[in-house]
Amino acid sequence: MTALFEHSPWVEARADAAPSSGDRHADLMAVVHAASAEEQLALIRAHPELAGKAAIDRTLTETSAAEQASAGLDRLTPAEFARFHELNAAYRTRFGFPFIICVRLTDKAGILAAMEHRLTRDSETERAEAIAQIGEIVRLRLGDAA
C-alpha cells in the first residue's frame, strides 16, 4: 500500500483513531491542521527535495520517485539540475524546510517558476502553502489507491 504521507504514519494513525466524517481526505487533513507547529514542520521536512540527493542515490520512496518522474524531474539536463539544486538550497536556507509542490499537477518549467516565486514569500505563507501542497499530493494518492 502506498504511504499517503512521506515518512509520517502518525497522520493516518490519528485519523484512524478518530471518528470518520466519511471523507478520508478531510479527516487526514484535519489531523494535519490540528497537529502542533512542531509536528507540522516535521511533516514538511519529511518530504524530499525535488531532483535532489534522494533522487540521485535512489532513496526516494517508490511513490515519490514516480511522482517526480511524471514531471520530468528524472530527465533533467545538467543546467536544469544545477538550477534545481540552486533553488532547493536557497529555499531550504530561507525557510528551513524543502520546497513542496504537487508535481503531478505541473511540469519542470512550472515547478521552477513556482520555486522562484515562492522564494519571495514570508515564512508563514510558505509554511501554509507547503501544508496545502501536501494536501494535494495526498488527494491524488488517495485517488490512486481507490
Protein backbone atom coordinates (compact mmCIF):
# COMPACT_ATOMS: atom_id res chain seq x y z
CA MET A 1 0.00 0.00 0.00
CA THR A 2 1.22 3.48 -0.86
CA ALA A 3 2.10 5.71 2.06
CA LEU A 4 -0.09 8.77 1.83
CA PHE A 5 2.26 10.97 3.87
CA GLU A 6 6.04 10.84 3.45
CA HIS A 7 7.59 9.06 6.44
CA SER A 8 4.77 10.30 8.70
CA PRO A 9 2.50 7.36 9.61
CA TRP A 10 1.21 9.27 12.64
CA VAL A 11 -1.19 11.24 10.45
CA GLU A 12 -3.04 8.15 9.24
CA ALA A 13 -2.90 6.58 12.71
CA ARG A 14 -4.55 9.61 14.31
CA ALA A 15 -7.18 9.81 11.58
CA ASP A 16 -7.93 6.10 12.05
CA ALA A 17 -8.36 6.63 15.82
CA ALA A 18 -10.89 9.45 15.37
CA PRO A 19 -14.49 9.19 14.21
CA SER A 20 -14.73 9.28 10.42
CA SER A 21 -16.58 12.07 8.66
CA GLY A 22 -16.93 9.86 5.59
CA ASP A 23 -14.36 11.98 3.74
CA ARG A 24 -10.93 10.37 4.19
CA HIS A 25 -9.03 13.32 2.77
CA ALA A 26 -10.82 15.77 5.06
CA ASP A 27 -10.19 13.50 8.06
CA LEU A 28 -6.48 13.26 7.25
CA MET A 29 -6.08 16.97 6.69
CA ALA A 30 -7.97 17.72 9.92
CA VAL A 31 -5.26 15.75 11.72
CA VAL A 32 -2.55 17.76 9.95
CA HIS A 33 -4.21 21.08 10.78
CA ALA A 34 -4.75 20.05 14.43
CA ALA A 35 -1.12 18.96 14.81
CA SER A 36 1.33 21.11 16.71
CA ALA A 37 3.54 23.52 14.81
CA GLU A 38 6.49 21.21 15.53
CA GLU A 39 4.62 18.19 14.13
CA GLN A 40 3.62 20.12 11.02
CA LEU A 41 7.21 21.20 10.48
CA ALA A 42 8.39 17.59 10.90
CA LEU A 43 5.78 16.51 8.32
CA ILE A 44 7.02 19.13 5.87
CA ARG A 45 10.65 18.21 6.49
CA ALA A 46 9.90 14.51 5.86
CA HIS A 47 9.45 15.34 2.15
CA PRO A 48 12.39 15.01 -0.24
CA GLU A 49 13.84 17.86 -2.22
CA LEU A 50 12.78 17.84 -5.85
CA ALA A 51 15.50 16.45 -8.12
CA GLY A 52 17.70 16.35 -5.04
CA LYS A 53 20.15 13.92 -3.46
CA ALA A 54 17.48 11.31 -2.75
CA ALA A 55 16.67 11.13 -6.45
CA ILE A 56 20.32 10.56 -7.30
CA ASP A 57 21.09 7.96 -4.61
CA ARG A 58 17.70 6.26 -5.14
CA THR A 59 16.45 6.71 -1.55
CA LEU A 60 13.18 8.31 -2.64
CA THR A 61 10.07 6.34 -1.79
CA GLU A 62 8.72 4.50 -4.82
CA THR A 63 5.72 6.83 -4.88
CA SER A 64 7.84 10.00 -4.75
CA ALA A 65 10.14 8.70 -7.47
CA ALA A 66 7.16 8.02 -9.75
CA GLU A 67 5.63 11.42 -9.00
CA GLN A 68 8.88 13.26 -9.72
CA ALA A 69 9.30 11.26 -12.93
CA SER A 70 5.79 12.28 -14.01
CA ALA A 71 7.01 15.89 -14.08
CA GLY A 72 10.21 15.01 -15.91
CA LEU A 73 12.45 15.51 -12.90
CA ASP A 74 14.23 12.25 -13.65
CA ARG A 75 15.29 13.62 -17.04
CA LEU A 76 16.93 16.96 -16.27
CA THR A 77 19.67 18.50 -18.35
CA PRO A 78 22.83 19.42 -16.42
CA ALA A 79 21.72 23.08 -16.50
CA GLU A 80 18.25 22.22 -15.18
CA PHE A 81 19.73 20.04 -12.46
CA ALA A 82 22.05 22.88 -11.42
CA ARG A 83 19.10 25.32 -11.30
CA PHE A 84 17.02 22.93 -9.17
CA HIS A 85 19.98 22.43 -6.84
CA GLU A 86 20.49 26.20 -6.54
CA LEU A 87 16.81 26.91 -5.86
CA ASN A 88 16.46 24.00 -3.43
CA ALA A 89 19.43 25.32 -1.43
CA ALA A 90 18.10 28.90 -1.42
CA TYR A 91 14.65 27.71 -0.39
CA ARG A 92 15.92 25.50 2.43
CA THR A 93 18.17 28.30 3.69
CA ARG A 94 15.30 30.80 3.66
CA PHE A 95 12.56 28.60 5.15
CA GLY A 96 14.29 25.70 6.89
CA PHE A 97 12.39 23.01 5.02
CA PRO A 98 12.24 21.62 1.47
CA PHE A 99 10.18 23.14 -1.31
CA ILE A 100 6.98 21.14 -1.71
CA ILE A 101 4.70 21.20 -4.71
CA CYS A 102 2.29 18.64 -6.10
CA VAL A 103 4.46 17.76 -9.09
CA ARG A 104 1.72 15.74 -10.74
CA LEU A 105 -0.18 18.98 -11.37
CA THR A 106 2.66 20.77 -13.18
CA ASP A 107 5.88 20.28 -15.14
CA LYS A 108 9.56 21.23 -14.86
CA ALA A 109 9.03 24.79 -16.05
CA GLY A 110 6.06 25.28 -13.74
CA ILE A 111 7.98 23.91 -10.78
CA LEU A 112 10.96 26.19 -11.42
CA ALA A 113 8.67 29.21 -11.79
CA ALA A 114 6.88 28.33 -8.55
CA MET A 115 10.19 27.91 -6.71
CA GLU A 116 11.36 31.32 -7.87
CA HIS A 117 8.06 32.98 -6.95
CA ARG A 118 7.67 31.28 -3.59
CA LEU A 119 11.18 32.32 -2.52
CA THR A 120 9.78 35.87 -2.28
CA ARG A 121 7.15 34.93 0.31
CA ASP A 122 7.22 35.14 4.10
CA SER A 123 7.71 32.04 6.25
CA GLU A 124 4.12 31.69 7.48
CA THR A 125 2.68 31.95 3.97
CA GLU A 126 5.15 29.38 2.71
CA ARG A 127 4.52 27.01 5.60
CA ALA A 128 0.78 27.15 4.88
CA GLU A 129 1.48 26.59 1.18
CA ALA A 130 3.61 23.54 1.97
CA ILE A 131 0.74 22.05 4.00
CA ALA A 132 -1.72 22.83 1.18
CA GLN A 133 0.58 21.16 -1.37
CA ILE A 134 0.89 18.09 0.88
CA GLY A 135 -2.91 18.03 0.91
CA GLU A 136 -2.98 17.95 -2.91
CA ILE A 137 -0.37 15.19 -3.01
CA VAL A 138 -2.43 13.14 -0.56
CA ARG A 139 -5.65 13.79 -2.51
CA LEU A 140 -4.06 12.32 -5.66
CA ARG A 141 -2.54 9.39 -3.76
CA LEU A 142 -5.95 8.58 -2.27
CA GLY A 143 -7.40 8.61 -5.77
CA ASP A 144 -4.70 6.21 -6.94
CA ALA A 145 -5.49 3.84 -4.08
CA ALA A 146 -9.23 3.84 -4.82
